[in-house]
Amino acid sequence: MSIAKLDKAIIIEEKTLTNRRDEYYKLLGEIVDEDDLEKLVYTSLHHIAFIDYLLGTEVKENKRLESVINQINKKRSTSYTLSDFHIKL
């Protein structure tokens, strides 16, 4: 991970963020059927939403995240929505 500190600012490269986000999507694909990993699923979804926020993507416009949430809802009988992962600062 490339991190640089410039006068009280931290810069993280976009490629690093997108790679990390892709790893979270991969992780979700691997653990979606595991019943005892509910917290990890929820946390991973939040991490994805936060990374997309850092990259400037609005959660409500994130079709990839929406698709994954729909798959998780079907497989786990949950009722997550995109608004559950909306980040407002």
PDB file of N, CA and C in Angstrom:
ATOM      1  N   MET A   1       0.853  -1.165   0.000  1.00  0.00           N
ATOM      2  CA  MET A   1       0.000   0.000   0.000  1.00  0.00           C
ATOM      3  C   MET A   1       0.899   1.227   0.000  1.00  0.00           C
ATOM      4  N   SER A   2       0.644   2.125  -0.896  1.00  0.00           N
ATOM      5  CA  SER A   2       1.422   3.353  -0.981  1.00  0.00           C
ATOM      6  C   SER A   2       0.719   4.454  -0.207  1.00  0.00           C
ATOM      7  N   ILE A   3       1.373   4.911   0.829  1.00  0.00           N
ATOM      8  CA  ILE A   3       0.818   5.994   1.640  1.00  0.00           C
ATOM      9  C   ILE A   3       1.907   7.055   1.790  1.00  0.00           C
ATOM     10  N   ALA A   4       1.541   8.287   1.591  1.00  0.00           N
ATOM     11  CA  ALA A   4       2.485   9.388   1.754  1.00  0.00           C
ATOM     12  C   ALA A   4       1.860  10.440   2.654  1.00  0.00           C
ATOM     13  N   LYS A   5       2.671  11.053   3.479  1.00  0.00           N
ATOM     14  CA  LYS A   5       2.174  12.112   4.358  1.00  0.00           C
ATOM     15  C   LYS A   5       2.730  13.435   3.866  1.00  0.00           C
ATOM     16  N   LEU A   6       1.835  14.360   3.550  1.00  0.00           N
ATOM     17  CA  LEU A   6       2.225  15.668   3.051  1.00  0.00           C
ATOM     18  C   LEU A   6       1.548  16.747   3.881  1.00  0.00           C
ATOM     19  N   ASP A   7       2.304  17.378   4.731  1.00  0.00           N
ATOM     20  CA  ASP A   7       1.793  18.493   5.529  1.00  0.00           C
ATOM     21  C   ASP A   7       0.416  18.200   6.117  1.00  0.00           C
ATOM     22  N   LYS A   8       0.347  17.209   6.970  1.00  0.00           N
ATOM     23  CA  LYS A   8      -0.861  16.801   7.676  1.00  0.00           C
ATOM     24  C   LYS A   8      -1.957  16.272   6.750  1.00  0.00           C
ATOM     25  N   ALA A   9      -1.573  15.751   5.612  1.00  0.00           N
ATOM     26  CA  ALA A   9      -2.520  15.122   4.690  1.00  0.00           C
ATOM     27  C   ALA A   9      -2.010  13.726   4.366  1.00  0.00           C
ATOM     28  N   ILE A  10      -2.925  12.816   4.203  1.00  0.00           N
ATOM     29  CA  ILE A  10      -2.555  11.458   3.830  1.00  0.00           C
ATOM     30  C   ILE A  10      -3.105  11.193   2.444  1.00  0.00           C
ATOM     31  N   ILE A  11      -2.251  10.688   1.586  1.00  0.00           N
ATOM     32  CA  ILE A  11      -2.642  10.384   0.216  1.00  0.00           C
ATOM     33  C   ILE A  11      -2.547   8.885   0.015  1.00  0.00           C
ATOM     34  N   ILE A  12      -3.634   8.301  -0.437  1.00  0.00           N
ATOM     35  CA  ILE A  12      -3.659   6.880  -0.749  1.00  0.00           C
ATOM     36  C   ILE A  12      -4.002   6.758  -2.224  1.00  0.00           C
ATOM     37  N   GLU A  13      -3.216   6.003  -2.948  1.00  0.00           N
ATOM     38  CA  GLU A  13      -3.411   5.887  -4.386  1.00  0.00           C
ATOM     39  C   GLU A  13      -4.716   5.178  -4.718  1.00  0.00           C
ATOM     40  N   GLU A  14      -5.345   5.613  -5.794  1.00  0.00           N
ATOM     41  CA  GLU A  14      -6.612   5.034  -6.231  1.00  0.00           C
ATOM     42  C   GLU A  14      -6.482   3.543  -6.508  1.00  0.00           C
ATOM     43  N   LYS A  15      -5.389   3.143  -7.111  1.00  0.00           N
ATOM     44  CA  LYS A  15      -5.184   1.726  -7.434  1.00  0.00           C
ATOM     45  C   LYS A  15      -5.188   0.873  -6.163  1.00  0.00           C
ATOM     46  N   THR A  16      -4.598   1.391  -5.110  1.00  0.00           N
ATOM     47  CA  THR A  16      -4.581   0.679  -3.837  1.00  0.00           C
ATOM     48  C   THR A  16      -5.998   0.485  -3.308  1.00  0.00           C
ATOM     49  N   LEU A  17      -6.798   1.536  -3.383  1.00  0.00           N
ATOM     50  CA  LEU A  17      -8.184   1.452  -2.913  1.00  0.00           C
ATOM     51  C   LEU A  17      -9.005   0.478  -3.754  1.00  0.00           C
ATOM     52  N   THR A  18      -8.852   0.544  -5.065  1.00  0.00           N
ATOM     53  CA  THR A  18      -9.643  -0.349  -5.919  1.00  0.00           C
ATOM     54  C   THR A  18      -9.224  -1.802  -5.732  1.00  0.00           C
ATOM     55  N   ASN A  19      -7.940  -2.035  -5.521  1.00  0.00           N
ATOM     56  CA  ASN A  19      -7.488  -3.405  -5.253  1.00  0.00           C
ATOM     57  C   ASN A  19      -8.070  -3.927  -3.939  1.00  0.00           C
ATOM     58  N   ARG A  20      -8.075  -3.071  -2.928  1.00  0.00           N
ATOM     59  CA  ARG A  20      -8.622  -3.480  -1.630  1.00  0.00           C
ATOM     60  C   ARG A  20     -10.118  -3.753  -1.743  1.00  0.00           C
ATOM     61  N   ARG A  21     -10.824  -2.881  -2.470  1.00  0.00           N
ATOM     62  CA  ARG A  21     -12.261  -3.069  -2.678  1.00  0.00           C
ATOM     63  C   ARG A  21     -12.536  -4.398  -3.388  1.00  0.00           C
ATOM     64  N   ASP A  22     -11.749  -4.704  -4.399  1.00  0.00           N
ATOM     65  CA  ASP A  22     -11.916  -5.967  -5.122  1.00  0.00           C
ATOM     66  C   ASP A  22     -11.677  -7.173  -4.214  1.00  0.00           C
ATOM     67  N   GLU A  23     -10.739  -7.041  -3.284  1.00  0.00           N
ATOM     68  CA  GLU A  23     -10.487  -8.119  -2.320  1.00  0.00           C
ATOM     69  C   GLU A  23     -11.697  -8.322  -1.401  1.00  0.00           C
ATOM     70  N   TYR A  24     -12.355  -7.236  -1.019  1.00  0.00           N
ATOM     71  CA  TYR A  24     -13.570  -7.365  -0.196  1.00  0.00           C
ATOM     72  C   TYR A  24     -14.698  -8.044  -0.981  1.00  0.00           C
ATOM     73  N   TYR A  25     -14.843  -7.700  -2.256  1.00  0.00           N
ATOM     74  CA  TYR A  25     -15.850  -8.378  -3.078  1.00  0.00           C
ATOM     75  C   TYR A  25     -15.542  -9.865  -3.191  1.00  0.00           C
ATOM     76  N   LYS A  26     -14.279 -10.185  -3.363  1.00  0.00           N
ATOM     77  CA  LYS A  26     -13.865 -11.595  -3.455  1.00  0.00           C
ATOM     78  C   LYS A  26     -14.162 -12.314  -2.137  1.00  0.00           C
ATOM     79  N   LEU A  27     -13.838 -11.671  -1.029  1.00  0.00           N
ATOM     80  CA  LEU A  27     -14.103 -12.249   0.287  1.00  0.00           C
ATOM     81  C   LEU A  27     -15.594 -12.516   0.474  1.00  0.00           C
ATOM     82  N   LEU A  28     -16.423 -11.570   0.090  1.00  0.00           N
ATOM     83  CA  LEU A  28     -17.872 -11.756   0.214  1.00  0.00           C
ATOM     84  C   LEU A  28     -18.346 -12.948  -0.597  1.00  0.00           C
ATOM     85  N   GLY A  29     -17.796 -13.128  -1.783  1.00  0.00           N
ATOM     86  CA  GLY A  29     -18.157 -14.272  -2.610  1.00  0.00           C
ATOM     87  C   GLY A  29     -17.800 -15.593  -1.950  1.00  0.00           C
ATOM     88  N   GLU A  30     -16.727 -15.594  -1.186  1.00  0.00           N
ATOM     89  CA  GLU A  30     -16.266 -16.809  -0.521  1.00  0.00           C
ATOM     90  C   GLU A  30     -17.039 -17.124   0.757  1.00  0.00           C
ATOM     91  N   ILE A  31     -17.523 -16.095   1.456  1.00  0.00           N
ATOM     92  CA  ILE A  31     -18.123 -16.329   2.775  1.00  0.00           C
ATOM     93  C   ILE A  31     -19.633 -16.160   2.809  1.00  0.00           C
ATOM     94  N   VAL A  32     -20.246 -15.847   1.698  1.00  0.00           N
ATOM     95  CA  VAL A  32     -21.678 -15.540   1.699  1.00  0.00           C
ATOM     96  C   VAL A  32     -22.520 -16.708   2.225  1.00  0.00           C
ATOM     97  N   ASP A  33     -22.070 -17.917   2.048  1.00  0.00           N
ATOM     98  CA  ASP A  33     -22.835 -19.080   2.498  1.00  0.00           C
ATOM     99  C   ASP A  33     -22.498 -19.525   3.917  1.00  0.00           C
ATOM    100  N   GLU A  34     -21.552 -18.882   4.547  1.00  0.00           N
ATOM    101  CA  GLU A  34     -21.149 -19.262   5.902  1.00  0.00           C
ATOM    102  C   GLU A  34     -22.061 -18.580   6.921  1.00  0.00           C
ATOM    103  N   ASP A  35     -22.808 -19.366   7.668  1.00  0.00           N
ATOM    104  CA  ASP A  35     -23.788 -18.823   8.610  1.00  0.00           C
ATOM    105  C   ASP A  35     -23.168 -18.060   9.773  1.00  0.00           C
ATOM    106  N   ASP A  36     -21.992 -18.482  10.229  1.00  0.00           N
ATOM    107  CA  ASP A  36     -21.413 -17.889  11.422  1.00  0.00           C
ATOM    108  C   ASP A  36     -20.562 -16.642  11.147  1.00  0.00           C
ATOM    109  N   LEU A  37     -20.597 -16.135   9.933  1.00  0.00           N
ATOM    110  CA  LEU A  37     -19.767 -14.988   9.583  1.00  0.00           C
ATOM    111  C   LEU A  37     -20.588 -13.739   9.241  1.00  0.00           C
ATOM    112  N   GLU A  38     -21.713 -13.578   9.888  1.00  0.00           N
ATOM    113  CA  GLU A  38     -22.611 -12.457   9.611  1.00  0.00           C
ATOM    114  C   GLU A  38     -21.931 -11.102   9.840  1.00  0.00           C
ATOM    115  N   LYS A  39     -21.176 -10.983  10.917  1.00  0.00           N
ATOM    116  CA  LYS A  39     -20.505  -9.719  11.207  1.00  0.00           C
ATOM    117  C   LYS A  39     -19.459  -9.398  10.145  1.00  0.00           C
ATOM    118  N   LEU A  40     -18.763 -10.405   9.660  1.00  0.00           N
ATOM    119  CA  LEU A  40     -17.754 -10.190   8.632  1.00  0.00           C
ATOM    120  C   LEU A  40     -18.402  -9.750   7.315  1.00  0.00           C
ATOM    121  N   VAL A  41     -19.537 -10.320   6.987  1.00  0.00           N
ATOM    122  CA  VAL A  41     -20.262  -9.918   5.780  1.00  0.00           C
ATOM    123  C   VAL A  41     -20.676  -8.454   5.890  1.00  0.00           C
ATOM    124  N   TYR A  42     -21.292  -8.099   6.993  1.00  0.00           N
ATOM    125  CA  TYR A  42     -21.762  -6.725   7.194  1.00  0.00           C
ATOM    126  C   TYR A  42     -20.602  -5.732   7.189  1.00  0.00           C
ATOM    127  N   THR A  43     -19.522  -6.081   7.872  1.00  0.00           N
ATOM    128  CA  THR A  43     -18.347  -5.218   7.933  1.00  0.00           C
ATOM    129  C   THR A  43     -17.714  -5.046   6.557  1.00  0.00           C
ATOM    130  N   SER A  44     -17.658  -6.113   5.801  1.00  0.00           N
ATOM    131  CA  SER A  44     -17.084  -6.038   4.451  1.00  0.00           C
ATOM    132  C   SER A  44     -17.913  -5.127   3.554  1.00  0.00           C
ATOM    133  N   LEU A  45     -19.218  -5.203   3.668  1.00  0.00           N
ATOM    134  CA  LEU A  45     -20.082  -4.302   2.901  1.00  0.00           C
ATOM    135  C   LEU A  45     -19.825  -2.843   3.275  1.00  0.00           C
ATOM    136  N   HIS A  46     -19.622  -2.589   4.562  1.00  0.00           N
ATOM    137  CA  HIS A  46     -19.315  -1.226   5.005  1.00  0.00           C
ATOM    138  C   HIS A  46     -17.958  -0.762   4.468  1.00  0.00           C
ATOM    139  N   HIS A  47     -16.988  -1.648   4.477  1.00  0.00           N
ATOM    140  CA  HIS A  47     -15.672  -1.292   3.942  1.00  0.00           C
ATOM    141  C   HIS A  47     -15.763  -0.931   2.458  1.00  0.00           C
ATOM    142  N   ILE A  48     -16.517  -1.714   1.708  1.00  0.00           N
ATOM    143  CA  ILE A  48     -16.698  -1.438   0.286  1.00  0.00           C
ATOM    144  C   ILE A  48     -17.350  -0.066   0.099  1.00  0.00           C
ATOM    145  N   ALA A  49     -18.393   0.197   0.857  1.00  0.00           N
ATOM    146  CA  ALA A  49     -19.091   1.484   0.747  1.00  0.00           C
ATOM    147  C   ALA A  49     -18.154   2.639   1.093  1.00  0.00           C
ATOM    148  N   PHE A  50     -17.308   2.462   2.112  1.00  0.00           N
ATOM    149  CA  PHE A  50     -16.397   3.526   2.504  1.00  0.00           C
ATOM    150  C   PHE A  50     -15.323   3.760   1.438  1.00  0.00           C
ATOM    151  N   ILE A  51     -14.792   2.690   0.883  1.00  0.00           N
ATOM    152  CA  ILE A  51     -13.794   2.832  -0.184  1.00  0.00           C
ATOM    153  C   ILE A  51     -14.407   3.553  -1.373  1.00  0.00           C
ATOM    154  N   ASP A  52     -15.620   3.169  -1.741  1.00  0.00           N
ATOM    155  CA  ASP A  52     -16.292   3.844  -2.854  1.00  0.00           C
ATOM    156  C   ASP A  52     -16.546   5.311  -2.529  1.00  0.00           C
ATOM    157  N   TYR A  53     -16.860   5.605  -1.275  1.00  0.00           N
ATOM    158  CA  TYR A  53     -17.023   7.000  -0.847  1.00  0.00           C
ATOM    159  C   TYR A  53     -15.719   7.770  -1.054  1.00  0.00           C
ATOM    160  N   LEU A  54     -14.597   7.164  -0.661  1.00  0.00           N
ATOM    161  CA  LEU A  54     -13.302   7.810  -0.849  1.00  0.00           C
ATOM    162  C   LEU A  54     -12.985   8.026  -2.319  1.00  0.00           C
ATOM    163  N   LEU A  55     -13.486   7.132  -3.167  1.00  0.00           N
ATOM    164  CA  LEU A  55     -13.262   7.240  -4.609  1.00  0.00           C
ATOM    165  C   LEU A  55     -14.274   8.153  -5.291  1.00  0.00           C
ATOM    166  N   GLY A  56     -15.238   8.667  -4.530  1.00  0.00           N
ATOM    167  CA  GLY A  56     -16.208   9.615  -5.066  1.00  0.00           C
ATOM    168  C   GLY A  56     -17.468   8.990  -5.626  1.00  0.00           C
ATOM    169  N   THR A  57     -17.725   7.729  -5.333  1.00  0.00           N
ATOM    170  CA  THR A  57     -18.929   7.057  -5.821  1.00  0.00           C
ATOM    171  C   THR A  57     -20.025   7.147  -4.766  1.00  0.00           C
ATOM    172  N   GLU A  58     -21.180   7.626  -5.160  1.00  0.00           N
ATOM    173  CA  GLU A  58     -22.328   7.664  -4.253  1.00  0.00           C
ATOM    174  C   GLU A  58     -22.850   6.246  -4.053  1.00  0.00           C
ATOM    175  N   VAL A  59     -23.159   5.908  -2.822  1.00  0.00           N
ATOM    176  CA  VAL A  59     -23.646   4.564  -2.519  1.00  0.00           C
ATOM    177  C   VAL A  59     -24.917   4.252  -3.296  1.00  0.00           C
ATOM    178  N   LYS A  60     -25.820   5.207  -3.386  1.00  0.00           N
ATOM    179  CA  LYS A  60     -27.099   4.957  -4.062  1.00  0.00           C
ATOM    180  C   LYS A  60     -26.930   4.715  -5.558  1.00  0.00           C
ATOM    181  N   GLU A  61     -25.775   5.081  -6.123  1.00  0.00           N
ATOM    182  CA  GLU A  61     -25.505   4.873  -7.546  1.00  0.00           C
ATOM    183  C   GLU A  61     -24.621   3.661  -7.799  1.00  0.00           C
ATOM    184  N   ASN A  62     -24.272   2.933  -6.756  1.00  0.00           N
ATOM    185  CA  ASN A  62     -23.317   1.830  -6.870  1.00  0.00           C
ATOM    186  C   ASN A  62     -24.038   0.533  -7.226  1.00  0.00           C
ATOM    187  N   LYS A  63     -24.109   0.242  -8.512  1.00  0.00           N
ATOM    188  CA  LYS A  63     -24.842  -0.941  -8.994  1.00  0.00           C
ATOM    189  C   LYS A  63     -24.153  -2.241  -8.605  1.00  0.00           C
ATOM    190  N   ARG A  64     -22.816  -2.231  -8.555  1.00  0.00           N
ATOM    191  CA  ARG A  64     -22.102  -3.456  -8.174  1.00  0.00           C
ATOM    192  C   ARG A  64     -22.402  -3.816  -6.719  1.00  0.00           C
ATOM    193  N   LEU A  65     -22.352  -2.830  -5.843  1.00  0.00           N
ATOM    194  CA  LEU A  65     -22.663  -3.068  -4.435  1.00  0.00           C
ATOM    195  C   LEU A  65     -24.117  -3.494  -4.279  1.00  0.00           C
ATOM    196  N   GLU A  66     -25.004  -2.851  -5.018  1.00  0.00           N
ATOM    197  CA  GLU A  66     -26.417  -3.217  -4.960  1.00  0.00           C
ATOM    198  C   GLU A  66     -26.633  -4.672  -5.376  1.00  0.00           C
ATOM    199  N   SER A  67     -25.943  -5.109  -6.410  1.00  0.00           N
ATOM    200  CA  SER A  67     -26.052  -6.487  -6.873  1.00  0.00           C
ATOM    201  C   SER A  67     -25.573  -7.473  -5.808  1.00  0.00           C
ATOM    202  N   VAL A  68     -24.458  -7.158  -5.175  1.00  0.00           N
ATOM    203  CA  VAL A  68     -23.926  -8.033  -4.120  1.00  0.00           C
ATOM    204  C   VAL A  68     -24.878  -8.070  -2.932  1.00  0.00           C
ATOM    205  N   ILE A  69     -25.429  -6.933  -2.563  1.00  0.00           N
ATOM    206  CA  ILE A  69     -26.385  -6.891  -1.454  1.00  0.00           C
ATOM    207  C   ILE A  69     -27.603  -7.757  -1.776  1.00  0.00           C
ATOM    208  N   ASN A  70     -28.096  -7.676  -2.995  1.00  0.00           N
ATOM    209  CA  ASN A  70     -29.246  -8.503  -3.389  1.00  0.00           C
ATOM    210  C   ASN A  70     -28.918  -9.993  -3.312  1.00  0.00           C
ATOM    211  N   GLN A  71     -27.723 -10.374  -3.727  1.00  0.00           N
ATOM    212  CA  GLN A  71     -27.304 -11.778  -3.639  1.00  0.00           C
ATOM    213  C   GLN A  71     -27.211 -12.225  -2.186  1.00  0.00           C
ATOM    214  N   ILE A  72     -26.642 -11.371  -1.356  1.00  0.00           N
ATOM    215  CA  ILE A  72     -26.520 -11.701   0.071  1.00  0.00           C
ATOM    216  C   ILE A  72     -27.898 -11.814   0.702  1.00  0.00           C
ATOM    217  N   ASN A  73     -28.798 -10.903   0.375  1.00  0.00           N
ATOM    218  CA  ASN A  73     -30.156 -10.962   0.923  1.00  0.00           C
ATOM    219  C   ASN A  73     -30.849 -12.269   0.557  1.00  0.00           C
ATOM    220  N   LYS A  74     -30.670 -12.730  -0.656  1.00  0.00           N
ATOM    221  CA  LYS A  74     -31.303 -13.976  -1.083  1.00  0.00           C
ATOM    222  C   LYS A  74     -30.703 -15.187  -0.383  1.00  0.00           C
ATOM    223  N   LYS A  75     -29.389 -15.213  -0.263  1.00  0.00           N
ATOM    224  CA  LYS A  75     -28.714 -16.374   0.319  1.00  0.00           C
ATOM    225  C   LYS A  75     -28.784 -16.410   1.840  1.00  0.00           C
ATOM    226  N   ARG A  76     -28.865 -15.252   2.471  1.00  0.00           N
ATOM    227  CA  ARG A  76     -28.807 -15.199   3.933  1.00  0.00           C
ATOM    228  C   ARG A  76     -30.126 -14.795   4.575  1.00  0.00           C
ATOM    229  N   SER A  77     -31.136 -14.552   3.791  1.00  0.00           N
ATOM    230  CA  SER A  77     -32.434 -14.115   4.314  1.00  0.00           C
ATOM    231  C   SER A  77     -32.297 -12.838   5.145  1.00  0.00           C
ATOM    232  N   THR A  78     -31.521 -11.905   4.635  1.00  0.00           N
ATOM    233  CA  THR A  78     -31.364 -10.612   5.282  1.00  0.00           C
ATOM    234  C   THR A  78     -32.139  -9.575   4.464  1.00  0.00           C
ATOM    235  N   SER A  79     -32.175  -8.367   4.950  1.00  0.00           N
ATOM    236  CA  SER A  79     -32.910  -7.317   4.229  1.00  0.00           C
ATOM    237  C   SER A  79     -32.078  -6.036   4.153  1.00  0.00           C
ATOM    238  N   TYR A  80     -30.800  -6.176   3.784  1.00  0.00           N
ATOM    239  CA  TYR A  80     -29.947  -5.008   3.629  1.00  0.00           C
ATOM    240  C   TYR A  80     -30.388  -4.191   2.418  1.00  0.00           C
ATOM    241  N   THR A  81     -30.181  -2.896   2.500  1.00  0.00           N
ATOM    242  CA  THR A  81     -30.435  -1.998   1.377  1.00  0.00           C
ATOM    243  C   THR A  81     -29.204  -1.110   1.204  1.00  0.00           C
ATOM    244  N   LEU A  82     -29.124  -0.440   0.071  1.00  0.00           N
ATOM    245  CA  LEU A  82     -28.005   0.476  -0.147  1.00  0.00           C
ATOM    246  C   LEU A  82     -27.976   1.578   0.906  1.00  0.00           C
ATOM    247  N   SER A  83     -29.144   2.015   1.344  1.00  0.00           N
ATOM    248  CA  SER A  83     -29.176   3.096   2.336  1.00  0.00           C
ATOM    249  C   SER A  83     -28.599   2.663   3.679  1.00  0.00           C
ATOM    250  N   ASP A  84     -28.531   1.359   3.949  1.00  0.00           N
ATOM    251  CA  ASP A  84     -27.889   0.875   5.178  1.00  0.00           C
ATOM    252  C   ASP A  84     -26.404   1.191   5.194  1.00  0.00           C
ATOM    253  N   PHE A  85     -25.832   1.397   4.021  1.00  0.00           N
ATOM    254  CA  PHE A  85     -24.387   1.601   3.911  1.00  0.00           C
ATOM    255  C   PHE A  85     -24.040   2.995   3.420  1.00  0.00           C
ATOM    256  N   HIS A  86     -25.017   3.901   3.473  1.00  0.00           N
ATOM    257  CA  HIS A  86     -24.794   5.285   3.062  1.00  0.00           C
ATOM    258  C   HIS A  86     -23.863   5.960   4.059  1.00  0.00           C
ATOM    259  N   ILE A  87     -22.882   6.667   3.545  1.00  0.00           N
ATOM    260  CA  ILE A  87     -21.910   7.360   4.391  1.00  0.00           C
ATOM    261  C   ILE A  87     -22.167   8.857   4.266  1.00  0.00           C
ATOM    262  N   LYS A  88     -22.418   9.477   5.387  1.00  0.00           N
ATOM    263  CA  LYS A  88     -22.688  10.917   5.400  1.00  0.00           C
ATOM    264  C   LYS A  88     -21.767  11.550   6.433  1.00  0.00           C
ATOM    265  N   LEU A  89     -20.955  12.459   5.966  1.00  0.00           N
ATOM    266  CA  LEU A  89     -20.032  13.136   6.878  1.00  0.00           C
ATOM    267  C   LEU A  89     -20.349  14.589   6.990  1.00  0.00           C
TER     268      LEU A  89
END
